[in-house]
Every structure is written in structure tokens, then in C-alpha cells.
Amino acid sequence: MELRQLRYFTALAEELNFTRAAERLHISQPPLSAQIAQLEDEMGIKLFRRSSRRVELTPAGTAFLRDVRVVQDRLKEAVQRAQGIHAGLEGRIEVGLSGSHFLGPLPGRIGELARSHPDIRIVLHELEPNDQPEALREQRIDVSISRQVIEDALLSSTLLWPDPLFVALPPAHRLAQSGRLTLQDLAREPFVMLRRESSTFAERIFRACAAHGFEPRVRQTVAQVPAQLSLVAAGLGIALVPASARPYLPRAVSFCLLDAPELEGNVYAIFRKDDDRAVLRTFLDHLHEGPPAAAG
């Protein structure tokens, strides 16, 4: 049994006339008659009653038509799904990210992607930044939203949006109205830091401070940027945070731009070089094309 035979059968069952069915199929009548006869022989039943004046479906033919239409509908859906996946309009993306990215433009851009591409499912996994590259290598996630750049034999990175660094201070702090600060201005300040063992971003801050001749006086270490800002608001120290974090506790924390060209909090997408799925490209393209992030 071939799909062509089912298509011929459906046309004849709907037209109940060999001439009209053949015209609909853009073939001549003899091949249509031959294919219907072959189908009936293969099934061992009569699907049509034929006379010199009319063609009718048998009860078995009526039941067969109903089931064939279901098969054809499912086949059409399968073709459309395959075409959608090929075009990047359908699929699933597993995204690894840390909590600070929920404060930036990412949620809005994912929401817009969900509205414009409802057949793409985005699954978010909150992971420590340093755990995400291994998750990518093990294919537990498809893309990492990160503030680090990785380029090696397996992984590649692309810049999504700039996210310059700011110094977060209690509003009453003596430096709160400075507007712009250098690392050297912070040498004697108590820091609320991200944990170095889980964040390459925190490690870069430590190295930059060392290059300026001091080691940060760490009063508290936390896992996420919102926790940093909450402790800054409580007066426990200062913190270096990306611009995208500024809407969090805006009245309880003051922000000054950090003048340190060697440090930035820019956001990158890291992905496997061997992942050539169109849905991944659609996801990355949409993040690039979203409204620009606030840069301060």
C-alpha cells in the first residue's frame, strides 16, 4: 500500500466519479482505475460498488475513508512540524543562567519570543555561572547566558548586549554622589562580593583590584546579585554590579558608574559549535534583535 494509492482512493471517494477524480489528480482515468483495483486486491475487499451509471462506497470503503483522512491529517501535521523545525520555528531550548539575568532585558526578550514563536519552548535552568560550561559540554543545556567569554574546540560565545559595571553604595555613603568612581577609590571600602568559587565575574573583580594594588576587604559573600544589593541597602558594604541590576531596590541603593575599562559585565550567549539546529539560531537572533539594554 502506497501513499499515492491512498490519495487516489480519497479523491475517488469524495468525487464518486472516475473522470472528475482523475481530473482532480491531474492524471488520466486508466491509471486511477488500475491503482484502485490494485488497492482493493491488496486489501482483499471491495471499497467501491461500480455500475455503468454510478460509483458508491461500500460500508468497508466508508470506514476506510474515515481512517485514511485521519492518517492524511497526521501526515500533514508531521510534514508541517518537520518544516517548522527546519525553519527554526519549532523546538526546545534549554537555557542555563544565574539570577542576575532576571534583572536585565532577558525576561522581556524571552517573553517576546514566546509570543512571536509559540511553538518554541524555552526552559530556564538557574545554575551557578561556573557550572554552566560543564552543563553545556554534557549537553544538559543548549545555551548559557553568561558574563564570561569561552572560545575553545567545543564552545563558542557571542555578545548579546553590553552591561557596564556600577558601584552600588548605601545612599548615605560619602561616595554616593560621586557619579563616577575608580577601583582605587574603593580600596578601603568593605565589599559585598559574589563567591569566587562559583563566579568567574567575581574572580575578575579580585584580579582587577589586585592589579590596582589592593585586595578587596570582603565583609560578606553571597551567591546572587540581588542578595548583594540587599546587603548594600542594609549598610554592610559596597558592591560592583552590572547596570541591569539598578532597577532592583532603586530607592535603597545609590549607583555610581565604575571607571575601569578592564572590567565589564557584558552578557554573552555560550553554545556548542556542533549544535546546528535552526531553533538555536532563532533563539540567539531574537536575543540580538530585542530592544537594547539600558546602559546607564
Protein backbone atom coordinates (compact mmCIF):
# COMPACT_ATOMS: atom_id res chain seq x y z
CA MET A 1 0.00 0.00 0.00
CA GLU A 2 1.39 3.36 -1.08
CA LEU A 3 0.54 6.93 -0.08
CA ARG A 4 -0.28 7.57 -3.72
CA GLN A 5 -2.95 4.88 -3.62
CA LEU A 6 -4.49 6.46 -0.52
CA ARG A 7 -4.53 9.85 -2.26
CA TYR A 8 -6.22 8.31 -5.30
CA PHE A 9 -8.71 6.49 -3.09
CA THR A 10 -9.63 9.70 -1.22
CA ALA A 11 -10.16 11.65 -4.43
CA LEU A 12 -12.45 8.96 -5.86
CA ALA A 13 -14.30 8.54 -2.57
CA GLU A 14 -15.02 12.26 -2.46
CA GLU A 15 -15.89 12.70 -6.13
CA LEU A 16 -17.60 9.29 -6.68
CA ASN A 17 -16.77 9.74 -10.35
CA PHE A 18 -13.67 8.39 -12.09
CA THR A 19 -13.50 11.19 -14.64
CA ARG A 20 -13.74 14.01 -12.09
CA ALA A 21 -11.35 12.25 -9.69
CA ALA A 22 -8.79 11.77 -12.49
CA GLU A 23 -9.05 15.46 -13.45
CA ARG A 24 -8.59 16.46 -9.81
CA LEU A 25 -5.46 14.29 -9.60
CA HIS A 26 -4.17 15.53 -12.99
CA ILE A 27 -3.91 12.01 -14.36
CA SER A 28 -5.84 10.01 -16.91
CA GLN A 29 -8.62 7.64 -15.90
CA PRO A 30 -6.90 4.27 -16.66
CA PRO A 31 -4.06 4.72 -14.09
CA LEU A 32 -6.63 5.75 -11.50
CA SER A 33 -8.74 2.66 -12.16
CA ALA A 34 -5.63 0.46 -12.06
CA GLN A 35 -4.44 1.86 -8.72
CA ILE A 36 -7.88 1.48 -7.09
CA ALA A 37 -8.12 -2.11 -8.34
CA GLN A 38 -4.62 -2.84 -7.02
CA LEU A 39 -5.51 -1.33 -3.62
CA GLU A 40 -8.64 -3.47 -3.39
CA ASP A 41 -6.66 -6.57 -4.36
CA GLU A 42 -4.04 -5.87 -1.68
CA MET A 43 -6.71 -5.35 0.99
CA GLY A 44 -8.84 -8.27 -0.20
CA ILE A 45 -12.04 -6.22 -0.04
CA LYS A 46 -14.17 -4.06 -2.29
CA LEU A 47 -14.04 -0.37 -1.44
CA PHE A 48 -16.41 0.77 -4.20
CA ARG A 49 -19.52 -0.50 -5.95
CA ARG A 50 -19.28 0.31 -9.63
CA SER A 51 -22.02 0.37 -12.22
CA SER A 52 -22.37 1.95 -15.63
CA ARG A 53 -24.15 4.90 -14.04
CA ARG A 54 -22.57 5.49 -10.63
CA VAL A 55 -19.80 4.77 -8.18
CA GLU A 56 -20.56 4.21 -4.48
CA LEU A 57 -18.52 3.47 -1.39
CA THR A 58 -19.11 0.12 0.25
CA PRO A 59 -19.57 0.12 4.06
CA ALA A 60 -15.94 -1.03 4.31
CA GLY A 61 -14.92 1.81 1.96
CA THR A 62 -16.77 4.37 4.09
CA ALA A 63 -14.97 3.20 7.22
CA PHE A 64 -11.66 3.12 5.37
CA LEU A 65 -12.15 6.70 4.14
CA ARG A 66 -12.69 7.93 7.67
CA ASP A 67 -9.46 6.31 8.88
CA VAL A 68 -7.46 7.37 5.82
CA ARG A 69 -8.43 11.00 6.43
CA VAL A 70 -7.05 10.70 9.97
CA VAL A 71 -3.79 9.28 8.59
CA GLN A 72 -3.55 12.04 5.99
CA ASP A 73 -4.17 14.74 8.60
CA ARG A 74 -1.48 13.27 10.85
CA LEU A 75 0.91 13.07 7.92
CA LYS A 76 0.21 16.70 7.04
CA GLU A 77 0.90 17.70 10.65
CA ALA A 78 4.14 15.70 10.60
CA VAL A 79 5.28 17.47 7.44
CA GLN A 80 4.42 20.89 8.89
CA ARG A 81 6.24 20.07 12.13
CA ALA A 82 9.35 18.95 10.26
CA GLN A 83 9.24 22.09 8.12
CA GLY A 84 8.85 24.23 11.25
CA ILE A 85 11.83 22.59 12.92
CA HIS A 86 13.91 23.01 9.77
CA ALA A 87 12.98 26.70 9.65
CA GLY A 88 13.69 27.28 13.34
CA LEU A 89 10.03 27.94 14.13
CA GLU A 90 9.59 24.99 16.47
CA GLY A 91 11.69 23.16 19.03
CA ARG A 92 13.03 23.31 22.57
CA ILE A 93 15.94 25.28 24.05
CA GLU A 94 17.39 24.55 27.49
CA VAL A 95 18.93 27.74 28.87
CA GLY A 96 21.36 27.96 31.78
CA LEU A 97 21.57 31.29 33.61
CA SER A 98 22.15 32.87 37.01
CA GLY A 99 19.78 35.07 38.99
CA SER A 100 21.27 38.40 37.92
CA HIS A 101 20.00 37.92 34.37
CA PHE A 102 16.40 38.05 35.57
CA LEU A 103 17.06 41.72 36.42
CA GLY A 104 18.06 42.63 32.86
CA PRO A 105 16.42 42.52 29.43
CA LEU A 106 16.45 38.72 29.13
CA PRO A 107 12.94 38.01 30.57
CA GLY A 108 11.37 40.56 28.23
CA ARG A 109 13.13 39.19 25.19
CA ILE A 110 12.17 35.62 26.03
CA GLY A 111 8.58 36.75 26.56
CA GLU A 112 8.54 38.38 23.14
CA LEU A 113 9.98 35.22 21.59
CA ALA A 114 7.23 33.17 23.25
CA ARG A 115 4.61 35.45 21.72
CA SER A 116 6.12 35.54 18.23
CA HIS A 117 7.14 31.84 18.15
CA PRO A 118 4.63 29.91 20.30
CA ASP A 119 5.97 26.54 19.12
CA ILE A 120 9.44 27.21 20.55
CA ARG A 121 9.68 26.13 24.18
CA ILE A 122 12.29 27.87 26.33
CA VAL A 123 13.22 26.01 29.53
CA LEU A 124 15.25 28.03 32.08
CA HIS A 125 17.71 26.40 34.49
CA GLU A 126 19.21 28.50 37.29
CA LEU A 127 22.82 27.35 37.60
CA GLU A 128 25.96 28.76 39.18
CA PRO A 129 27.95 30.57 36.45
CA ASN A 130 30.92 28.24 36.81
CA ASP A 131 28.68 25.16 36.44
CA GLN A 132 27.22 26.23 33.12
CA PRO A 133 30.14 25.42 30.78
CA GLU A 134 30.22 21.82 32.04
CA ALA A 135 26.45 21.57 31.60
CA LEU A 136 26.94 22.72 28.00
CA ARG A 137 29.69 20.19 27.37
CA GLU A 138 27.48 17.42 28.77
CA GLN A 139 24.51 18.68 26.71
CA ARG A 140 22.35 19.22 29.79
CA ILE A 141 21.70 22.74 28.49
CA ASP A 142 21.82 24.17 24.98
CA VAL A 143 22.97 27.72 25.73
CA SER A 144 24.49 29.55 28.69
CA ILE A 145 23.66 33.19 29.38
CA SER A 146 26.88 34.38 30.97
CA ARG A 147 29.24 37.28 31.69
CA GLN A 148 32.25 35.31 30.51
CA VAL A 149 33.59 34.50 27.07
CA ILE A 150 34.58 30.95 26.14
CA GLU A 151 36.17 30.04 22.81
CA ASP A 152 37.59 26.54 22.53
CA ALA A 153 37.29 23.45 20.38
CA LEU A 154 33.71 22.77 21.51
CA LEU A 155 32.19 26.04 22.78
CA SER A 156 31.73 29.47 21.25
CA SER A 157 30.41 32.81 22.54
CA THR A 158 28.52 35.73 21.05
CA LEU A 159 27.87 39.13 22.65
CA LEU A 160 24.18 39.71 23.39
CA TRP A 161 24.24 43.18 24.94
CA PRO A 162 26.60 45.49 26.85
CA ASP A 163 26.12 45.75 30.61
CA PRO A 164 28.66 48.18 32.14
CA LEU A 165 29.57 47.99 35.82
CA PHE A 166 28.34 50.29 38.56
CA VAL A 167 29.34 50.69 42.18
CA ALA A 168 26.36 50.08 44.48
CA LEU A 169 26.51 52.07 47.73
CA PRO A 170 24.20 52.89 50.63
CA PRO A 171 22.53 56.26 49.84
CA ALA A 172 24.23 57.93 52.84
CA HIS A 173 27.70 56.76 51.83
CA ARG A 174 30.28 59.54 51.42
CA LEU A 175 30.87 58.50 47.78
CA ALA A 176 27.22 58.07 46.83
CA GLN A 177 27.02 61.36 44.92
CA SER A 178 30.27 60.94 43.05
CA GLY A 179 28.74 59.90 39.74
CA ARG A 180 31.89 58.08 38.62
CA LEU A 181 34.40 56.09 40.67
CA THR A 182 37.62 54.18 40.03
CA LEU A 183 38.75 50.96 41.64
CA GLN A 184 41.38 52.91 43.54
CA ASP A 185 38.57 54.96 45.15
CA LEU A 186 37.26 51.72 46.65
CA ALA A 187 40.50 50.35 48.08
CA ARG A 188 39.48 50.95 51.73
CA GLU A 189 35.79 50.04 51.35
CA PRO A 190 34.14 46.86 52.70
CA PHE A 191 32.84 44.74 49.82
CA VAL A 192 29.82 42.51 49.45
CA MET A 193 31.11 40.03 46.88
CA LEU A 194 29.86 37.14 44.85
CA ARG A 195 31.53 33.84 45.70
CA ARG A 196 34.72 33.40 43.74
CA GLU A 197 34.33 29.61 43.58
CA SER A 198 31.03 29.92 41.70
CA SER A 199 31.52 33.10 39.65
CA THR A 200 34.23 33.99 37.13
CA PHE A 201 32.82 37.53 37.29
CA ALA A 202 33.83 37.75 40.97
CA GLU A 203 37.25 36.33 40.17
CA ARG A 204 37.78 39.02 37.52
CA ILE A 205 36.95 41.70 40.10
CA PHE A 206 39.54 40.29 42.51
CA ARG A 207 42.20 40.23 39.78
CA ALA A 208 41.40 43.80 38.72
CA CYS A 209 41.68 45.03 42.30
CA ALA A 210 45.00 43.24 42.68
CA ALA A 211 46.24 44.95 39.53
CA HIS A 212 45.43 48.27 41.24
CA GLY A 213 47.47 47.33 44.28
CA PHE A 214 44.89 46.15 46.80
CA GLU A 215 42.82 43.15 47.79
CA PRO A 216 39.10 43.79 48.37
CA ARG A 217 38.10 43.88 52.04
CA VAL A 218 35.32 41.31 51.80
CA ARG A 219 32.73 41.65 54.54
CA GLN A 220 30.12 39.26 53.08
CA THR A 221 29.96 36.77 50.21
CA VAL A 222 26.71 35.75 48.55
CA ALA A 223 25.58 33.73 45.55
CA GLN A 224 23.43 36.23 43.66
CA VAL A 225 23.39 39.93 42.72
CA PRO A 226 20.00 40.64 44.39
CA ALA A 227 21.50 39.43 47.68
CA GLN A 228 24.44 41.79 47.17
CA LEU A 229 22.13 44.76 46.71
CA SER A 230 20.02 43.86 49.72
CA LEU A 231 23.13 43.81 51.91
CA VAL A 232 24.37 47.08 50.42
CA ALA A 233 20.99 48.64 51.23
CA ALA A 234 21.45 47.39 54.80
CA GLY A 235 24.76 49.27 55.01
CA LEU A 236 27.03 46.22 55.13
CA GLY A 237 29.31 47.33 52.33
CA ILE A 238 29.56 48.26 48.66
CA ALA A 239 29.27 46.02 45.60
CA LEU A 240 30.21 46.05 41.93
CA VAL A 241 27.14 45.13 39.91
CA PRO A 242 26.04 45.31 36.25
CA ALA A 243 23.91 48.21 35.04
CA SER A 244 20.95 45.89 34.52
CA ALA A 245 20.73 45.39 38.31
CA ARG A 246 19.98 49.05 39.02
CA PRO A 247 16.15 48.74 38.90
CA TYR A 248 16.36 46.39 41.92
CA LEU A 249 15.95 48.40 45.17
CA PRO A 250 16.43 51.74 43.32
CA ARG A 251 15.50 53.88 46.34
CA ALA A 252 17.55 51.92 48.84
CA VAL A 253 20.83 51.85 46.89
CA SER A 254 22.83 54.55 45.09
CA PHE A 255 24.80 53.77 41.94
CA CYS A 256 27.96 55.32 40.52
CA LEU A 257 29.48 54.33 37.19
CA LEU A 258 32.71 52.36 37.60
CA ASP A 259 35.56 53.82 35.56
CA ALA A 260 37.55 50.64 34.97
CA PRO A 261 37.92 49.74 31.28
CA GLU A 262 39.36 46.32 32.12
CA LEU A 263 36.11 45.33 33.87
CA GLU A 264 32.70 44.92 32.27
CA GLY A 265 29.58 42.88 32.91
CA ASN A 266 28.60 42.35 29.28
CA VAL A 267 26.23 39.47 28.62
CA TYR A 268 27.15 36.66 26.24
CA ALA A 269 25.50 33.54 24.93
CA ILE A 270 27.74 30.46 25.03
CA PHE A 271 26.74 27.46 22.92
CA ARG A 272 28.14 24.28 21.39
CA LYS A 273 29.74 24.68 17.98
CA ASP A 274 28.29 21.36 16.85
CA ASP A 275 24.69 22.42 17.64
CA ASP A 276 23.47 23.43 14.19
CA ARG A 277 19.75 23.38 14.97
CA ALA A 278 17.78 26.19 13.37
CA VAL A 279 15.82 26.74 16.59
CA LEU A 280 19.05 27.69 18.41
CA ARG A 281 19.84 30.24 15.72
CA THR A 282 16.31 31.65 16.00
CA PHE A 283 16.75 31.97 19.78
CA LEU A 284 20.11 33.74 19.50
CA ASP A 285 18.97 36.01 16.68
CA HIS A 286 15.94 37.08 18.71
CA LEU A 287 18.07 37.95 21.74
CA HIS A 288 20.30 40.05 19.48
CA GLU A 289 17.36 41.81 17.84
CA GLY A 290 15.42 42.63 21.01
CA PRO A 291 15.15 46.21 22.34
CA PRO A 292 18.54 47.46 23.54
CA ALA A 293 19.52 47.03 27.17
CA ALA A 294 19.77 50.11 29.37
CA ALA A 295 23.42 51.05 29.61
CA GLY A 296 23.20 53.90 32.09
